[in-house]
Amino acid sequence: MNNKILENSDIRERVKKGLDMTFEKLLKAKSQTNGIFVLSQNGVIKKVKTSDLIR
């Protein structure tokens, strides 16, 4: 059972790392085209320039 917990933890870490890498790649691509991100925070939709996220 302890082995399964370690496997799940390892899989979660790999997925998290992959998501972080994908977000960084998206951020770089959007910043090159002066794009914006549309985000939801507490049910409020916000538009944020990529240049503001990079700082």
C-alpha atoms as a PDB file:
ATOM      1  CA  MET A   1       0.000   0.000   0.000  1.00  0.00           C
ATOM      2  CA  ASN A   2       2.813   2.382   0.871  1.00  0.00           C
ATOM      3  CA  ASN A   3       4.282   1.688  -2.576  1.00  0.00           C
ATOM      4  CA  LYS A   4       1.050   2.826  -4.281  1.00  0.00           C
ATOM      5  CA  ILE A   5       1.091   6.064  -2.308  1.00  0.00           C
ATOM      6  CA  LEU A   6       4.648   6.729  -3.479  1.00  0.00           C
ATOM      7  CA  GLU A   7       3.665   5.931  -7.078  1.00  0.00           C
ATOM      8  CA  ASN A   8       0.687   8.305  -6.907  1.00  0.00           C
ATOM      9  CA  SER A   9       2.871  11.006  -5.413  1.00  0.00           C
ATOM     10  CA  ASP A  10       5.449  10.505  -8.155  1.00  0.00           C
ATOM     11  CA  ILE A  11       2.787  10.697 -10.872  1.00  0.00           C
ATOM     12  CA  ARG A  12       1.320  13.857  -9.343  1.00  0.00           C
ATOM     13  CA  GLU A  13       4.750  15.512  -9.267  1.00  0.00           C
ATOM     14  CA  ARG A  14       5.379  14.611 -12.914  1.00  0.00           C
ATOM     15  CA  VAL A  15       1.982  15.943 -14.007  1.00  0.00           C
ATOM     16  CA  LYS A  16       2.524  19.160 -12.025  1.00  0.00           C
ATOM     17  CA  LYS A  17       5.963  19.630 -13.563  1.00  0.00           C
ATOM     18  CA  GLY A  18       4.510  19.056 -17.047  1.00  0.00           C
ATOM     19  CA  LEU A  19       1.742  21.599 -16.450  1.00  0.00           C
ATOM     20  CA  ASP A  20       4.258  24.150 -15.193  1.00  0.00           C
ATOM     21  CA  MET A  21       6.443  23.635 -18.266  1.00  0.00           C
ATOM     22  CA  THR A  22       3.437  23.955 -20.575  1.00  0.00           C
ATOM     23  CA  PHE A  23       2.327  27.182 -18.896  1.00  0.00           C
ATOM     24  CA  GLU A  24       5.832  28.645 -19.269  1.00  0.00           C
ATOM     25  CA  LYS A  25       5.828  27.737 -22.961  1.00  0.00           C
ATOM     26  CA  LEU A  26       2.390  29.319 -23.436  1.00  0.00           C
ATOM     27  CA  LEU A  27       3.502  32.436 -21.576  1.00  0.00           C
ATOM     28  CA  LYS A  28       6.548  32.823 -23.836  1.00  0.00           C
ATOM     29  CA  ALA A  29       4.474  32.347 -26.985  1.00  0.00           C
ATOM     30  CA  LYS A  30       1.842  34.853 -25.851  1.00  0.00           C
ATOM     31  CA  SER A  31       4.465  37.417 -24.829  1.00  0.00           C
ATOM     32  CA  GLN A  32       6.043  37.318 -28.289  1.00  0.00           C
ATOM     33  CA  THR A  33       2.718  38.311 -29.840  1.00  0.00           C
ATOM     34  CA  ASN A  34       1.817  40.813 -27.075  1.00  0.00           C
ATOM     35  CA  GLY A  35      -1.159  38.626 -26.206  1.00  0.00           C
ATOM     36  CA  ILE A  36      -3.426  38.590 -23.195  1.00  0.00           C
ATOM     37  CA  PHE A  37      -4.608  35.912 -20.813  1.00  0.00           C
ATOM     38  CA  VAL A  38      -8.230  35.655 -19.795  1.00  0.00           C
ATOM     39  CA  LEU A  39      -8.376  34.372 -16.225  1.00  0.00           C
ATOM     40  CA  SER A  40     -11.109  33.797 -13.691  1.00  0.00           C
ATOM     41  CA  GLN A  41     -10.494  34.799 -10.094  1.00  0.00           C
ATOM     42  CA  ASN A  42     -13.256  34.229  -7.548  1.00  0.00           C
ATOM     43  CA  GLY A  43     -15.811  34.132 -10.348  1.00  0.00           C
ATOM     44  CA  VAL A  44     -14.619  37.438 -11.841  1.00  0.00           C
ATOM     45  CA  ILE A  45     -13.199  37.291 -15.361  1.00  0.00           C
ATOM     46  CA  LYS A  46     -10.017  39.313 -15.806  1.00  0.00           C
ATOM     47  CA  LYS A  47      -7.883  40.114 -18.835  1.00  0.00           C
ATOM     48  CA  VAL A  48      -4.170  40.298 -18.055  1.00  0.00           C
ATOM     49  CA  LYS A  49      -1.350  41.302 -20.386  1.00  0.00           C
ATOM     50  CA  THR A  50       1.424  38.720 -20.601  1.00  0.00           C
ATOM     51  CA  SER A  51       3.973  41.438 -19.895  1.00  0.00           C
ATOM     52  CA  ASP A  52       2.337  41.890 -16.466  1.00  0.00           C
ATOM     53  CA  LEU A  53       2.666  38.175 -15.706  1.00  0.00           C
ATOM     54  CA  ILE A  54       6.326  37.956 -16.651  1.00  0.00           C
ATOM     55  CA  ARG A  55       7.427  40.635 -14.178  1.00  0.00           C
END
